[in-house]
Amino acid sequence: MQSTRFKNEFIGSVIDIVDLYIENCKKRYENKTTLHTGEVVNEITKNISLKVVAFLKP
């Protein structure tokens, strides 16, 4: 049961992160600033790590 809950929470978290990222891209595009690939990867990795750590804490 725990692993199913984790999987669902994790997938939900990833979807949230992608939504946030898309919003961020829209804002940056509207402001005519560019987002470097490295920044994108760092941002997504950092967000996923934070979500996993928050989930695993008792």
C-alpha atoms as a PDB file:
ATOM      1  CA  MET A   1       0.000   0.000   0.000  1.00  0.00           C
ATOM      2  CA  GLN A   2       2.780   2.403   0.959  1.00  0.00           C
ATOM      3  CA  SER A   3       4.474   2.058  -2.429  1.00  0.00           C
ATOM      4  CA  THR A   4       1.208   2.701  -4.321  1.00  0.00           C
ATOM      5  CA  ARG A   5       0.589   5.817  -2.242  1.00  0.00           C
ATOM      6  CA  PHE A   6       4.148   6.950  -2.842  1.00  0.00           C
ATOM      7  CA  LYS A   7       3.805   6.354  -6.588  1.00  0.00           C
ATOM      8  CA  ASN A   8       0.559   8.341  -6.756  1.00  0.00           C
ATOM      9  CA  GLU A   9       1.968  11.184  -4.645  1.00  0.00           C
ATOM     10  CA  PHE A  10       5.156  11.247  -6.665  1.00  0.00           C
ATOM     11  CA  ILE A  11       3.340  11.301 -10.010  1.00  0.00           C
ATOM     12  CA  GLY A  12       1.069  14.060  -8.675  1.00  0.00           C
ATOM     13  CA  SER A  13       4.127  16.024  -7.562  1.00  0.00           C
ATOM     14  CA  VAL A  14       5.789  15.673 -10.941  1.00  0.00           C
ATOM     15  CA  ILE A  15       2.601  16.882 -12.664  1.00  0.00           C
ATOM     16  CA  ASP A  16       2.500  19.895 -10.299  1.00  0.00           C
ATOM     17  CA  ILE A  17       6.138  20.657 -11.065  1.00  0.00           C
ATOM     18  CA  VAL A  18       5.564  20.444 -14.818  1.00  0.00           C
ATOM     19  CA  ASP A  19       2.545  22.769 -14.493  1.00  0.00           C
ATOM     20  CA  LEU A  20       4.645  25.262 -12.531  1.00  0.00           C
ATOM     21  CA  TYR A  21       7.427  24.997 -15.074  1.00  0.00           C
ATOM     22  CA  ILE A  22       5.040  25.649 -17.983  1.00  0.00           C
ATOM     23  CA  GLU A  23       3.636  28.695 -16.151  1.00  0.00           C
ATOM     24  CA  ASN A  24       7.174  29.932 -15.532  1.00  0.00           C
ATOM     25  CA  CYS A  25       8.018  29.510 -19.224  1.00  0.00           C
ATOM     26  CA  LYS A  26       4.938  31.481 -20.251  1.00  0.00           C
ATOM     27  CA  LYS A  27       5.896  34.322 -17.890  1.00  0.00           C
ATOM     28  CA  ARG A  28       9.472  34.366 -19.138  1.00  0.00           C
ATOM     29  CA  TYR A  29       8.292  34.302 -22.739  1.00  0.00           C
ATOM     30  CA  GLU A  30       5.929  37.215 -22.074  1.00  0.00           C
ATOM     31  CA  ASN A  31       8.847  39.121 -20.539  1.00  0.00           C
ATOM     32  CA  LYS A  32      10.971  38.184 -23.576  1.00  0.00           C
ATOM     33  CA  THR A  33      13.675  36.556 -21.484  1.00  0.00           C
ATOM     34  CA  THR A  34      15.124  33.192 -22.421  1.00  0.00           C
ATOM     35  CA  LEU A  35      15.515  30.150 -20.247  1.00  0.00           C
ATOM     36  CA  HIS A  36      18.731  28.154 -20.626  1.00  0.00           C
ATOM     37  CA  THR A  37      18.484  24.366 -20.788  1.00  0.00           C
ATOM     38  CA  GLY A  38      20.750  24.019 -17.767  1.00  0.00           C
ATOM     39  CA  GLU A  39      18.464  26.269 -15.733  1.00  0.00           C
ATOM     40  CA  VAL A  40      15.472  24.173 -16.741  1.00  0.00           C
ATOM     41  CA  VAL A  41      17.127  20.909 -15.722  1.00  0.00           C
ATOM     42  CA  ASN A  42      18.365  22.374 -12.423  1.00  0.00           C
ATOM     43  CA  GLU A  43      14.938  23.780 -11.587  1.00  0.00           C
ATOM     44  CA  ILE A  44      13.103  20.516 -12.313  1.00  0.00           C
ATOM     45  CA  THR A  45      15.692  18.404 -10.457  1.00  0.00           C
ATOM     46  CA  LYS A  46      15.618  20.706  -7.430  1.00  0.00           C
ATOM     47  CA  ASN A  47      11.816  20.684  -7.297  1.00  0.00           C
ATOM     48  CA  ILE A  48      11.548  16.907  -7.619  1.00  0.00           C
ATOM     49  CA  SER A  49      14.210  16.449  -4.913  1.00  0.00           C
ATOM     50  CA  LEU A  50      12.339  18.768  -2.540  1.00  0.00           C
ATOM     51  CA  LYS A  51       9.054  16.929  -3.159  1.00  0.00           C
ATOM     52  CA  VAL A  52      10.654  13.514  -2.542  1.00  0.00           C
ATOM     53  CA  VAL A  53      12.384  14.682   0.649  1.00  0.00           C
ATOM     54  CA  ALA A  54       9.152  16.256   1.936  1.00  0.00           C
ATOM     55  CA  PHE A  55       7.252  13.066   1.199  1.00  0.00           C
ATOM     56  CA  LEU A  56       9.790  10.769   2.856  1.00  0.00           C
ATOM     57  CA  LYS A  57      10.020  12.768   6.075  1.00  0.00           C
ATOM     58  CA  PRO A  58       7.912  11.174   8.815  1.00  0.00           C
END
